[in-house]
Amino acid sequence: MSEHVTSSADALKILTTGTAKVLSEKELQEKLDLGRPLRIKLGVDPTAPDIHLGHTVAIEKLRQFQELGHQAVLIIGDFTATVGDPTGRSAARPPLTRDEVLANAETYTTQAFKILDEEKTEVVYNGEWFRNMTYEQVLKLNARVTMQQMLQREDFKSRIEKGQEVRLHEVQYPIMQGWDSVEIKSDVEIGGTDQLFNILVGRDLQKEEGQPQQVVILMPLLEGLDGVKKMSKSAHNYVGVSESPAEMFGKLMSISDDLMDRYYTLLLGEQRDASMHPMEAKKQLAARITGRYHSEQDAQDARSTWESRFSKGDTAAGAVEINLADIPADANVLTLSAHAFETAFNLKKSNGELRKQFITTGAVQLNGEKLTDPTSSVAPSAGDILRLSKKHSVKYI
């Protein structure tokens, strides 16, 4: 255990902080009392090359276990990713080739090791056992689970009720995730709140195999920059861990104070210092997260740029550059603003929101001149600065 943790009770408090559900704390306490390093499982399917901060919540919890002296086991679903997790899906995922999965896994793990200690992390590919299974072994594994169990899943049930397809290979997914737990003999599995069903299947299979059942730790789904929807690329409210330091810092400075507290807990594993001014606390949050994925110097440079731009009123400093060739033809104030928000900041604004909150209020300005008519034609030139809000400006090149 960490030198700062003197007992399993202290460890339990740290490890349950920020969780959505633990099944159960009593079981986790008993495992911690064993006095040996526990095997902590986190499975990831590299279905895309890049991850955002929402994906890192579970990795942060795995890091806490690792820092307390436990064995982090990162399972790369090179086999399961070719099937695709049906959790929360209204249709089957498009299949990926193994080459695509392995390419994604390389960048995924590189990003994950900015949080985890690579030398102390056991990385396992579940294709190691699934690709060696005979059809007879697959049938025997399937015989351990009933169709009634599988149809308890809300996503399957909902799709069937709506007359939508549920492919048989999708039904295999919870069984495969559960078998991963048997193969690595996990003591604890970490996942999002949407993973409860799959992790419980793992507990059942471990019990049948005569293994101690894993503790379930569910992490909440991280809200995106809007503070409402879960962070996702499709909702345009995400912070990608491979984004530039300036982009990352700037996006994090746009969150609300309430959301800042959530980010401190889920992304840094600690509470915000209540004695610190909220603005300084937010700057430190943004700098620490930016420094984790880049460098301390990059984080400080990003902070200096942001402060120059906003604290000192220098709109041009740190403005995100947009190529003039990329702007919409025959643009008006509305279409130009929408394009700038989405292109430079990955923020998709509705026409109504742009009109009411940004344009008619005078927030949108071209070189300091307010653009209050949404339908007015506008044609920026190279070097022009379009100010969208106090926190968002672009420079055309």
Protein backbone atom coordinates (compact mmCIF):
# COMPACT_ATOMS: atom_id res chain seq x y z
CA MET A 1 0.00 0.00 0.00
CA SER A 2 0.96 3.64 -0.44
CA GLU A 3 3.03 5.09 2.36
CA HIS A 4 0.18 7.53 3.04
CA VAL A 5 -2.36 4.71 3.56
CA THR A 6 -2.05 3.00 6.91
CA SER A 7 -4.94 0.51 6.79
CA SER A 8 -7.35 -1.31 4.52
CA ALA A 9 -10.08 0.99 5.87
CA ASP A 10 -8.14 4.00 4.57
CA ALA A 11 -7.71 2.25 1.23
CA LEU A 12 -11.43 1.44 1.07
CA LYS A 13 -12.31 5.10 1.55
CA ILE A 14 -9.98 6.17 -1.26
CA LEU A 15 -11.12 3.44 -3.64
CA THR A 16 -14.86 4.00 -3.16
CA THR A 17 -14.66 7.78 -3.54
CA GLY A 18 -16.21 8.92 -6.82
CA THR A 19 -17.74 5.54 -7.61
CA ALA A 20 -21.36 5.12 -8.70
CA LYS A 21 -21.78 1.68 -7.14
CA VAL A 22 -19.65 -0.95 -5.40
CA LEU A 23 -20.89 -4.54 -5.11
CA SER A 24 -20.10 -4.74 -2.40
CA GLU A 25 -18.03 -2.57 -0.07
CA LYS A 26 -18.05 -5.41 2.44
CA GLU A 27 -16.54 -7.80 -0.13
CA LEU A 28 -13.97 -5.21 -1.15
CA GLN A 29 -13.00 -4.66 2.48
CA GLU A 30 -12.56 -8.42 2.91
CA LYS A 31 -10.33 -8.62 -0.15
CA LEU A 32 -8.24 -5.66 1.02
CA ASP A 33 -7.85 -7.37 4.40
CA LEU A 34 -6.18 -10.33 2.67
CA GLY A 35 -3.01 -8.27 2.68
CA ARG A 36 -1.95 -9.30 -0.83
CA PRO A 37 -1.95 -7.40 -4.12
CA LEU A 38 -5.38 -7.77 -5.70
CA ARG A 39 -5.83 -8.30 -9.44
CA ILE A 40 -7.82 -5.35 -10.76
CA LYS A 41 -9.37 -5.80 -14.18
CA LEU A 42 -10.28 -3.12 -16.69
CA GLY A 43 -11.27 -4.27 -20.14
CA VAL A 44 -11.18 -1.91 -23.12
CA ASP A 45 -12.25 -2.50 -26.69
CA PRO A 46 -10.13 -0.27 -28.95
CA THR A 47 -12.88 0.50 -31.46
CA ALA A 48 -11.36 3.94 -32.18
CA PRO A 49 -7.77 5.24 -32.17
CA ASP A 50 -8.29 8.12 -29.76
CA ILE A 51 -9.89 8.42 -26.35
CA HIS A 52 -11.42 11.38 -24.56
CA LEU A 53 -11.52 12.26 -20.87
CA GLY A 54 -14.75 10.33 -20.42
CA HIS A 55 -12.86 7.13 -21.23
CA THR A 56 -10.21 7.93 -18.62
CA VAL A 57 -12.53 7.85 -15.57
CA ALA A 58 -12.20 4.07 -15.18
CA ILE A 59 -8.46 4.25 -15.95
CA GLU A 60 -8.05 6.81 -13.14
CA LYS A 61 -9.68 4.40 -10.68
CA LEU A 62 -7.38 1.62 -11.91
CA ARG A 63 -4.44 3.96 -11.26
CA GLN A 64 -5.59 4.44 -7.65
CA PHE A 65 -5.52 0.69 -7.10
CA GLN A 66 -2.09 0.56 -8.72
CA GLU A 67 -0.74 3.29 -6.47
CA LEU A 68 -1.98 1.32 -3.46
CA GLY A 69 0.16 -1.62 -4.52
CA HIS A 70 -2.38 -3.72 -6.41
CA GLN A 71 -1.90 -5.34 -9.82
CA ALA A 72 -3.54 -3.42 -12.65
CA VAL A 73 -4.63 -5.75 -15.46
CA LEU A 74 -5.57 -3.95 -18.67
CA ILE A 75 -7.40 -6.30 -21.02
CA ILE A 76 -7.26 -5.24 -24.65
CA GLY A 77 -10.29 -6.70 -26.36
CA ASP A 78 -8.63 -7.53 -29.66
CA PHE A 79 -11.20 -10.34 -30.01
CA THR A 80 -14.26 -8.74 -28.40
CA ALA A 81 -13.73 -5.49 -30.34
CA THR A 82 -14.31 -7.38 -33.57
CA VAL A 83 -17.77 -8.23 -32.18
CA GLY A 84 -18.53 -4.90 -30.52
CA ASP A 85 -20.12 -4.25 -27.15
CA PRO A 86 -23.91 -3.99 -27.66
CA THR A 87 -24.33 -2.03 -24.41
CA GLY A 88 -26.53 1.00 -25.01
CA ARG A 89 -26.75 0.32 -28.74
CA SER A 90 -29.92 0.46 -30.82
CA ALA A 91 -28.26 -1.59 -33.56
CA ALA A 92 -25.30 -3.91 -34.01
CA ARG A 93 -21.92 -2.19 -34.21
CA PRO A 94 -20.19 -2.27 -37.60
CA PRO A 95 -17.54 -5.00 -37.57
CA LEU A 96 -13.85 -4.11 -37.36
CA THR A 97 -10.98 -6.11 -38.79
CA ARG A 98 -8.31 -7.39 -36.42
CA ASP A 99 -5.72 -5.14 -38.11
CA GLU A 100 -7.93 -2.10 -37.41
CA VAL A 101 -8.35 -3.17 -33.79
CA LEU A 102 -4.60 -3.71 -33.26
CA ALA A 103 -3.79 -0.32 -34.80
CA ASN A 104 -6.31 1.33 -32.47
CA ALA A 105 -4.93 -0.62 -29.51
CA GLU A 106 -1.47 0.84 -30.05
CA THR A 107 -2.60 4.44 -29.72
CA TYR A 108 -5.15 3.58 -27.00
CA THR A 109 -2.52 2.03 -24.74
CA THR A 110 -0.07 4.87 -25.41
CA GLN A 111 -2.70 7.29 -24.15
CA ALA A 112 -3.68 5.05 -21.19
CA PHE A 113 -0.04 4.90 -20.04
CA LYS A 114 -0.07 8.64 -19.51
CA ILE A 115 -2.18 7.70 -16.47
CA LEU A 116 -1.00 4.22 -15.55
CA ASP A 117 2.53 3.08 -14.69
CA GLU A 118 3.35 1.02 -17.78
CA GLU A 119 6.02 -1.04 -16.04
CA LYS A 120 3.57 -2.13 -13.34
CA THR A 121 0.62 -2.78 -15.67
CA GLU A 122 -0.18 -6.26 -16.96
CA VAL A 123 -1.49 -5.95 -20.50
CA VAL A 124 -3.40 -8.94 -21.85
CA TYR A 125 -5.12 -9.46 -25.21
CA ASN A 126 -8.23 -11.61 -24.91
CA GLY A 127 -7.62 -13.11 -28.32
CA GLU A 128 -4.99 -15.20 -26.52
CA TRP A 129 -7.71 -17.51 -25.22
CA PHE A 130 -10.68 -16.92 -27.50
CA ARG A 131 -8.77 -17.65 -30.69
CA ASN A 132 -7.64 -20.99 -29.27
CA MET A 133 -11.12 -22.17 -28.28
CA THR A 134 -12.66 -25.09 -30.12
CA TYR A 135 -16.30 -24.94 -31.17
CA GLU A 136 -17.03 -27.55 -28.52
CA GLN A 137 -15.57 -25.25 -25.83
CA VAL A 138 -17.66 -22.35 -27.12
CA LEU A 139 -20.82 -24.46 -26.90
CA LYS A 140 -19.99 -25.53 -23.36
CA LEU A 141 -19.42 -21.90 -22.36
CA ASN A 142 -22.74 -20.88 -23.90
CA ALA A 143 -24.51 -23.67 -22.00
CA ARG A 144 -23.70 -21.89 -18.72
CA VAL A 145 -25.92 -18.93 -19.57
CA THR A 146 -29.64 -18.93 -20.38
CA MET A 147 -31.35 -16.91 -23.07
CA GLN A 148 -33.65 -15.56 -20.34
CA GLN A 149 -30.58 -14.08 -18.62
CA MET A 150 -29.43 -12.39 -21.81
CA LEU A 151 -32.88 -10.98 -22.54
CA GLN A 152 -32.90 -9.27 -19.15
CA ARG A 153 -30.55 -6.73 -20.70
CA GLU A 154 -32.47 -3.52 -21.31
CA ASP A 155 -30.83 -2.83 -24.68
CA PHE A 156 -31.67 -6.30 -26.03
CA LYS A 157 -35.20 -6.19 -24.58
CA SER A 158 -35.83 -2.72 -26.01
CA ARG A 159 -34.64 -3.63 -29.48
CA ILE A 160 -36.77 -6.79 -29.58
CA GLU A 161 -39.84 -4.87 -28.42
CA LYS A 162 -39.27 -2.34 -31.22
CA GLY A 163 -38.90 -5.09 -33.79
CA GLN A 164 -35.19 -4.33 -34.25
CA GLU A 165 -32.62 -7.03 -34.87
CA VAL A 166 -30.47 -8.56 -32.14
CA ARG A 167 -27.75 -10.59 -33.78
CA LEU A 168 -26.65 -13.79 -32.03
CA HIS A 169 -23.01 -12.73 -31.93
CA GLU A 170 -24.05 -9.73 -29.79
CA VAL A 171 -25.51 -12.10 -27.20
CA GLN A 172 -22.04 -13.63 -26.94
CA TYR A 173 -20.47 -10.38 -25.79
CA PRO A 174 -21.40 -10.47 -22.06
CA ILE A 175 -20.29 -14.12 -21.94
CA MET A 176 -16.91 -13.24 -23.46
CA GLN A 177 -16.39 -10.30 -21.09
CA GLY A 178 -17.30 -12.54 -18.19
CA TRP A 179 -14.90 -15.26 -19.32
CA ASP A 180 -12.07 -12.70 -19.39
CA SER A 181 -12.52 -12.44 -15.61
CA VAL A 182 -12.13 -16.20 -15.25
CA GLU A 183 -9.00 -16.28 -17.40
CA ILE A 184 -7.15 -13.59 -15.44
CA LYS A 185 -8.68 -14.51 -12.04
CA SER A 186 -9.70 -10.93 -11.32
CA ASP A 187 -10.47 -9.83 -7.78
CA VAL A 188 -12.10 -6.57 -8.85
CA GLU A 189 -13.51 -5.39 -12.18
CA ILE A 190 -13.93 -1.70 -12.98
CA GLY A 191 -16.43 -0.45 -15.56
CA GLY A 192 -18.96 2.25 -16.34
CA THR A 193 -22.48 2.12 -14.93
CA ASP A 194 -23.61 0.65 -18.25
CA GLN A 195 -21.38 -2.40 -17.67
CA LEU A 196 -23.19 -3.86 -14.62
CA PHE A 197 -24.82 -6.73 -16.51
CA ASN A 198 -21.59 -7.81 -18.21
CA ILE A 199 -19.56 -7.71 -14.99
CA LEU A 200 -22.18 -9.72 -13.09
CA VAL A 201 -21.91 -12.42 -15.77
CA GLY A 202 -18.22 -12.55 -14.88
CA ARG A 203 -19.07 -13.10 -11.21
CA ASP A 204 -21.40 -15.98 -12.16
CA LEU A 205 -18.79 -17.66 -14.35
CA GLN A 206 -16.10 -17.28 -11.69
CA LYS A 207 -18.39 -18.94 -9.14
CA GLU A 208 -19.01 -21.87 -11.50
CA GLU A 209 -15.25 -22.22 -11.94
CA GLY A 210 -14.72 -22.32 -8.18
CA GLN A 211 -12.98 -18.95 -8.12
CA PRO A 212 -13.64 -16.15 -5.61
CA GLN A 213 -16.10 -13.74 -7.20
CA GLN A 214 -14.85 -10.36 -8.35
CA VAL A 215 -16.01 -7.16 -6.71
CA VAL A 216 -17.90 -4.85 -9.06
CA ILE A 217 -16.85 -1.18 -9.15
CA LEU A 218 -18.98 0.99 -11.40
CA MET A 219 -17.78 4.46 -12.32
CA PRO A 220 -20.19 7.22 -13.31
CA LEU A 221 -20.35 8.36 -16.90
CA LEU A 222 -18.55 11.70 -17.15
CA GLU A 223 -20.63 14.67 -18.24
CA GLY A 224 -19.23 16.58 -21.18
CA LEU A 225 -18.39 20.27 -21.39
CA ASP A 226 -22.09 21.17 -21.47
CA GLY A 227 -22.55 19.57 -18.02
CA VAL A 228 -25.64 17.70 -19.24
CA LYS A 229 -24.98 14.94 -21.77
CA LYS A 230 -22.31 12.30 -21.24
CA MET A 231 -19.02 13.17 -22.88
CA SER A 232 -18.94 11.91 -26.46
CA LYS A 233 -17.66 12.93 -29.85
CA SER A 234 -21.14 12.74 -31.34
CA ALA A 235 -22.39 15.30 -28.79
CA HIS A 236 -19.43 17.62 -29.57
CA ASN A 237 -18.84 18.10 -25.84
CA TYR A 238 -15.60 16.19 -25.38
CA VAL A 239 -11.95 16.81 -24.57
CA GLY A 240 -9.72 14.44 -26.53
CA VAL A 241 -6.55 13.34 -24.77
CA SER A 242 -4.60 13.84 -28.02
CA GLU A 243 -5.79 17.42 -28.53
CA SER A 244 -3.28 20.25 -28.43
CA PRO A 245 -2.43 21.77 -25.02
CA ALA A 246 -4.14 25.04 -25.93
CA GLU A 247 -7.33 23.28 -27.04
CA MET A 248 -7.40 21.07 -23.98
CA PHE A 249 -6.76 23.90 -21.52
CA GLY A 250 -9.26 26.20 -23.21
CA LYS A 251 -12.03 23.61 -23.26
CA LEU A 252 -11.53 22.79 -19.59
CA MET A 253 -11.73 26.47 -18.66
CA SER A 254 -15.19 26.62 -20.25
CA ILE A 255 -16.82 24.23 -17.76
CA SER A 256 -19.08 25.32 -14.91
CA ASP A 257 -17.92 25.43 -11.28
CA ASP A 258 -20.21 22.51 -10.40
CA LEU A 259 -18.77 20.43 -13.20
CA MET A 260 -15.28 21.41 -12.07
CA ASP A 261 -15.88 19.60 -8.79
CA ARG A 262 -16.92 16.45 -10.69
CA TYR A 263 -13.80 16.63 -12.84
CA TYR A 264 -11.56 17.01 -9.78
CA THR A 265 -13.12 13.89 -8.25
CA LEU A 266 -13.32 11.69 -11.35
CA LEU A 267 -10.24 12.81 -13.29
CA LEU A 268 -7.79 13.63 -10.49
CA GLY A 269 -9.19 11.47 -7.70
CA GLU A 270 -9.30 14.29 -5.16
CA GLN A 271 -11.48 17.09 -3.81
CA ARG A 272 -11.11 20.69 -4.90
CA ASP A 273 -9.44 22.95 -2.33
CA ALA A 274 -12.44 24.92 -1.05
CA SER A 275 -10.19 27.71 0.22
CA MET A 276 -8.97 28.43 -3.31
CA HIS A 277 -10.74 30.95 -5.56
CA PRO A 278 -12.88 29.03 -8.09
CA MET A 279 -11.10 30.62 -11.07
CA GLU A 280 -7.67 29.62 -9.77
CA ALA A 281 -8.97 26.15 -8.93
CA LYS A 282 -10.23 25.77 -12.49
CA LYS A 283 -6.91 26.95 -13.93
CA GLN A 284 -5.08 24.41 -11.79
CA LEU A 285 -7.47 21.65 -12.87
CA ALA A 286 -6.98 22.53 -16.53
CA ALA A 287 -3.20 22.77 -16.13
CA ARG A 288 -2.87 19.46 -14.31
CA ILE A 289 -4.97 17.56 -16.83
CA THR A 290 -3.17 19.23 -19.74
CA GLY A 291 0.20 18.45 -18.14
CA ARG A 292 -0.76 14.80 -17.73
CA TYR A 293 -1.28 14.31 -21.46
CA HIS A 294 1.45 16.66 -22.67
CA SER A 295 4.10 18.17 -20.38
CA GLU A 296 4.23 20.58 -17.46
CA GLN A 297 5.80 23.20 -19.73
CA ASP A 298 3.05 22.75 -22.32
CA ALA A 299 0.46 23.17 -19.57
CA GLN A 300 2.07 26.36 -18.28
CA ASP A 301 2.35 27.75 -21.81
CA ALA A 302 -1.33 26.96 -22.42
CA ARG A 303 -2.26 28.70 -19.18
CA SER A 304 -0.20 31.78 -20.06
CA THR A 305 -1.79 31.96 -23.50
CA TRP A 306 -5.27 31.63 -22.04
CA GLU A 307 -4.63 34.30 -19.40
CA SER A 308 -3.18 36.65 -22.02
CA ARG A 309 -6.22 36.12 -24.18
CA PHE A 310 -8.95 36.41 -21.57
CA SER A 311 -7.57 37.96 -18.40
CA LYS A 312 -5.73 40.69 -20.26
CA GLY A 313 -8.29 41.17 -23.01
CA ASP A 314 -5.96 40.16 -25.84
CA THR A 315 -8.45 38.49 -28.19
CA ALA A 316 -5.87 37.62 -30.85
CA ALA A 317 -3.58 35.76 -28.46
CA GLY A 318 -4.39 32.09 -28.52
CA ALA A 319 -7.16 32.42 -31.13
CA VAL A 320 -7.67 29.13 -32.94
CA GLU A 321 -6.67 29.41 -36.58
CA ILE A 322 -9.09 28.57 -39.40
CA ASN A 323 -8.15 28.43 -43.06
CA LEU A 324 -10.16 30.87 -45.17
CA ALA A 325 -10.61 28.15 -47.78
CA ASP A 326 -12.60 26.10 -45.27
CA ILE A 327 -15.34 28.64 -44.51
CA PRO A 328 -18.80 28.20 -46.09
CA ALA A 329 -19.44 29.90 -49.43
CA ASP A 330 -21.67 33.00 -49.25
CA ALA A 331 -21.48 32.90 -45.46
CA ASN A 332 -23.66 35.04 -43.26
CA VAL A 333 -23.09 35.81 -39.59
CA LEU A 334 -25.11 32.76 -38.51
CA THR A 335 -23.41 30.19 -40.75
CA LEU A 336 -19.94 31.65 -40.13
CA SER A 337 -20.43 31.51 -36.36
CA ALA A 338 -21.73 27.93 -36.48
CA HIS A 339 -18.78 26.87 -38.65
CA ALA A 340 -16.24 28.54 -36.34
CA PHE A 341 -17.65 26.95 -33.18
CA GLU A 342 -17.70 23.46 -34.70
CA THR A 343 -14.40 23.64 -36.61
CA ALA A 344 -12.26 25.30 -33.95
CA PHE A 345 -13.85 24.07 -30.71
CA ASN A 346 -15.83 20.91 -31.62
CA LEU A 347 -18.95 22.64 -30.30
CA LYS A 348 -22.15 22.22 -32.30
CA LYS A 349 -24.51 25.14 -31.66
CA SER A 350 -28.11 25.24 -32.85
CA ASN A 351 -29.26 28.22 -34.93
CA GLY A 352 -31.57 29.31 -32.13
CA GLU A 353 -28.79 29.18 -29.55
CA LEU A 354 -26.44 31.15 -31.80
CA ARG A 355 -29.05 33.85 -32.43
CA LYS A 356 -30.22 34.29 -28.83
CA GLN A 357 -27.03 33.77 -26.84
CA PHE A 358 -24.26 34.99 -29.11
CA ILE A 359 -25.28 37.09 -32.12
CA THR A 360 -28.11 39.34 -30.92
CA THR A 361 -26.31 39.89 -27.61
CA GLY A 362 -23.30 41.38 -29.41
CA ALA A 363 -20.91 38.62 -28.37
CA VAL A 364 -19.99 37.83 -31.98
CA GLN A 365 -17.54 40.43 -33.25
CA LEU A 366 -15.30 40.70 -36.31
CA ASN A 367 -12.18 42.71 -35.47
CA GLY A 368 -14.07 44.33 -32.60
CA GLU A 369 -17.18 45.21 -34.62
CA LYS A 370 -20.37 43.60 -33.32
CA LEU A 371 -22.25 41.41 -35.80
CA THR A 372 -25.83 41.43 -34.50
CA ASP A 373 -27.74 40.56 -37.70
CA PRO A 374 -27.69 36.76 -38.21
CA THR A 375 -28.53 37.05 -41.93
CA SER A 376 -25.95 39.72 -42.77
CA SER A 377 -23.32 38.58 -45.29
CA VAL A 378 -19.76 38.46 -44.00
CA ALA A 379 -16.47 37.66 -45.74
CA PRO A 380 -13.44 37.56 -43.42
CA SER A 381 -9.95 38.25 -44.74
CA ALA A 382 -6.62 36.78 -43.71
CA GLY A 383 -5.65 38.00 -40.23
CA ASP A 384 -9.20 38.85 -39.18
CA ILE A 385 -10.28 37.86 -35.67
CA LEU A 386 -13.79 36.52 -35.16
CA ARG A 387 -14.74 36.70 -31.49
CA LEU A 388 -17.56 34.26 -30.68
CA SER A 389 -17.68 34.73 -26.92
CA LYS A 390 -15.41 35.72 -24.06
CA LYS A 391 -13.85 32.27 -24.23
CA HIS A 392 -13.85 31.51 -27.95
CA SER A 393 -12.09 33.37 -30.77
CA VAL A 394 -10.75 32.33 -34.16
CA LYS A 395 -8.19 33.84 -36.49
CA TYR A 396 -8.52 33.41 -40.24
CA ILE A 397 -5.41 32.54 -42.21
